[in-house]
C-alpha cells in the first residue's frame, strides 16, 4: 500500500502536495507504543498531549517544534550512573525514545509541564484572519442577506 496514486482524488484540490508524505508517515510500521500518550480536547480550540514518562527527569526530555512537526525526545541516563542499585524486577521502562506529532498549520504549541510522571504539552488552534471564511463580492457588488433583498424588492414595487 506504499505506492498509492492519489491523482484521481486530487483533481479538484489545491495545496495538498504533502498528502503522500502524510500517508507514508501514517502507514509506517515500527514500535509506536512507547511511551504511551493521550491527546485530549480541553476547550474550544485548545488541546493537550499527555505522555507517560515515568522515571525521566525534566533534564532528560527535549521538546522541539520544527515546521509543522512536534518532536519529543527522551534520553535515558547511562546505566552506570545507577550506582549500587540492583533490580530484582524492572517493570518501569526507561529507554530512549523519539515521538513525532504532525501539527496542522493552525496549531501552535503554547507550553509544557511535567507533573506526576506525565509530560503535558499544551496546544491551541490559532486561525489567522486571512484563513477565516469570508464572502467574496461578485463584480464589486457586496453580498446582501435574503431579508435585505426582499426589502429592496418591496421598495422597488
Protein backbone atom coordinates (compact mmCIF):
# COMPACT_ATOMS: atom_id res chain seq x y z
CA UNK A 1 0.00 0.00 0.00
CA UNK A 2 3.01 2.29 -0.12
CA UNK A 3 2.51 3.16 -3.78
CA UNK A 4 -0.95 4.69 -3.73
CA UNK A 5 -1.76 7.12 -6.53
CA UNK A 6 -3.91 9.97 -5.22
CA UNK A 7 -4.02 11.85 -8.53
CA UNK A 8 -7.68 10.99 -9.33
CA UNK A 9 -8.76 12.13 -5.85
CA UNK A 10 -6.86 15.43 -6.02
CA UNK A 11 -8.15 16.74 -9.36
CA UNK A 12 -10.25 19.41 -7.67
CA UNK A 13 -7.91 20.04 -4.72
CA UNK A 14 -5.25 22.69 -4.35
CA UNK A 15 -2.45 22.68 -1.82
CA UNK A 16 -2.38 19.01 -0.81
CA UNK A 17 1.11 18.30 -2.11
CA UNK A 18 2.26 16.76 1.17
CA UNK A 19 -0.57 14.20 1.27
CA UNK A 20 1.67 11.37 0.04
CA UNK A 21 4.19 12.16 2.78
CA UNK A 22 1.46 12.10 5.43
CA UNK A 23 0.12 8.74 4.20
CA UNK A 24 3.63 7.25 4.27
CA UNK A 25 4.10 8.59 7.79
CA UNK A 26 0.77 7.11 8.94
CA UNK A 27 1.32 3.69 7.39
CA UNK A 28 4.93 3.33 8.51
CA UNK A 29 5.36 0.44 10.88
CA UNK A 30 7.50 0.36 13.95
CA UNK A 31 7.39 0.41 17.72
CA UNK A 32 4.97 3.26 18.34
CA UNK A 33 3.75 2.03 21.72
CA UNK A 34 6.39 3.70 23.90
CA UNK A 35 5.82 5.95 25.67
CA UNK A 36 2.03 5.84 25.89
CA UNK A 37 0.23 9.14 25.38
CA UNK A 38 -3.21 10.77 25.29
CA UNK A 39 -4.44 13.60 23.10
CA UNK A 40 -7.40 15.41 24.59
CA UNK A 41 -9.50 18.42 23.73
CA UNK A 42 -9.58 20.66 26.80
CA UNK A 43 -11.55 23.60 25.39
CA UNK A 44 -12.64 25.37 22.23
CA UNK A 45 -9.52 25.23 20.08
CA UNK A 46 -7.33 24.00 22.99
CA UNK A 47 -5.68 20.58 23.18
CA UNK A 48 -3.28 18.72 25.45
CA UNK A 49 -0.89 15.86 24.78
CA UNK A 50 -0.10 13.87 27.94
CA UNK A 51 2.80 11.43 27.77
CA UNK A 52 3.61 8.88 30.47
CA UNK A 53 7.34 9.39 31.00
CA UNK A 54 7.79 7.86 34.46
CA UNK A 55 11.41 7.75 35.57
CA UNK A 56 12.54 10.59 33.29
CA UNK A 57 13.69 13.87 34.74
CA UNK A 58 12.93 17.21 33.12
CA UNK A 59 16.56 17.48 32.03
CA UNK A 60 16.25 14.18 30.10
CA UNK A 61 13.32 15.40 27.95
CA UNK A 62 13.53 17.69 24.92
CA UNK A 63 10.65 19.26 23.00
CA UNK A 64 11.23 20.81 19.59
CA UNK A 65 8.80 22.33 17.10
CA UNK A 66 10.16 22.39 13.57
CA UNK A 67 7.94 23.43 10.68
CA UNK A 68 4.70 21.53 11.44
CA UNK A 69 6.27 18.75 13.48
CA UNK A 70 6.38 18.46 17.29
CA UNK A 71 9.27 16.21 18.31
CA UNK A 72 9.53 14.84 21.86
CA UNK A 73 12.82 13.12 22.71
CA UNK A 74 13.64 11.25 25.91
CA UNK A 75 17.24 10.39 26.70
CA UNK A 76 17.68 7.54 29.14
CA UNK A 77 20.50 8.04 31.60
CA UNK A 78 23.65 5.95 31.50
CA UNK A 79 23.11 2.63 33.35
CA UNK A 80 26.49 3.14 35.00
CA UNK A 81 25.04 6.20 36.79
CA UNK A 82 22.72 3.97 38.86
CA UNK A 83 25.39 3.25 41.43
CA UNK A 84 24.85 0.22 43.65
CA UNK A 85 21.21 -0.36 42.60
CA UNK A 86 20.34 -3.97 41.83
CA UNK A 87 16.92 -4.63 40.36
CA UNK A 88 15.13 -7.90 41.09
CA UNK A 89 12.34 -6.89 38.70
CA UNK A 90 12.38 -3.83 36.46
CA UNK A 91 8.85 -3.09 35.23
CA UNK A 92 9.21 0.66 34.74
CA UNK A 93 10.63 1.10 31.27
CA UNK A 94 13.13 3.89 30.90
CA UNK A 95 14.53 3.68 27.45
CA UNK A 96 15.36 6.40 24.97
CA UNK A 97 12.54 7.41 22.65
CA UNK A 98 11.56 9.88 19.99
CA UNK A 99 7.89 10.60 19.36
CA UNK A 100 6.72 12.85 16.49
CA UNK A 101 3.37 14.59 16.13
CA UNK A 102 2.33 16.17 12.84
CA UNK A 103 0.66 19.53 13.56
CA UNK A 104 -1.77 21.41 11.35
CA UNK A 105 -0.74 24.85 10.12
CA UNK A 106 -3.07 26.50 12.63
CA UNK A 107 -1.90 24.56 15.72
CA UNK A 108 0.65 26.26 17.96
CA UNK A 109 2.45 24.79 20.99
CA UNK A 110 1.88 27.18 23.92
CA UNK A 111 3.70 25.42 26.74
CA UNK A 112 4.69 22.24 28.51
CA UNK A 113 4.71 21.00 32.08
CA UNK A 114 5.94 17.95 33.95
CA UNK A 115 3.89 16.63 36.85
CA UNK A 116 3.44 13.20 38.48
CA UNK A 117 5.37 11.38 35.73
CA UNK A 118 3.32 12.98 32.95
CA UNK A 119 4.65 15.39 30.37
CA UNK A 120 1.76 17.72 29.45
CA UNK A 121 2.08 19.72 26.23
CA UNK A 122 -0.47 22.50 25.64
CA UNK A 123 -1.60 23.30 22.12
CA UNK A 124 -4.00 25.90 20.76
CA UNK A 125 -5.65 26.41 17.38
CA UNK A 126 -4.96 29.92 16.10
CA UNK A 127 -6.69 30.61 12.79
CA UNK A 128 -5.24 33.76 11.22
CA UNK A 129 -7.65 36.37 9.94
CA UNK A 130 -6.73 35.67 6.31
CA UNK A 131 -7.70 31.98 6.72
CA UNK A 132 -11.13 32.59 8.22
CA UNK A 133 -14.16 32.22 5.90
CA UNK A 134 -15.21 35.40 4.15
CA UNK A 135 -17.74 36.39 1.50
CA UNK A 136 -16.45 37.35 -1.94
CA UNK A 137 -18.21 40.13 -3.84
CA UNK A 138 -19.14 39.38 -7.45
CA UNK A 139 -18.38 42.29 -9.82
CA UNK A 140 -17.83 44.60 -6.88
CA UNK A 141 -21.37 44.19 -5.53
CA UNK A 142 -21.31 43.41 -1.83
CA UNK A 143 -23.30 40.31 -0.89
CA UNK A 144 -26.55 41.01 0.92
CA UNK A 145 -28.77 38.94 3.13
CA UNK A 146 -32.04 37.42 1.93
CA UNK A 147 -34.00 39.82 4.15
CA UNK A 148 -32.26 42.84 2.57
CA UNK A 149 -33.08 41.57 -0.92
CA UNK A 150 -36.79 41.13 -0.03
CA UNK A 151 -36.84 44.68 1.38
CA UNK A 152 -35.22 46.04 -1.83
CA UNK A 153 -37.83 44.29 -3.96
CA UNK A 154 -40.67 45.78 -1.83
CA UNK A 155 -39.23 49.27 -2.20
CA UNK A 156 -38.87 48.84 -5.96
CA UNK A 157 -42.52 47.74 -6.37
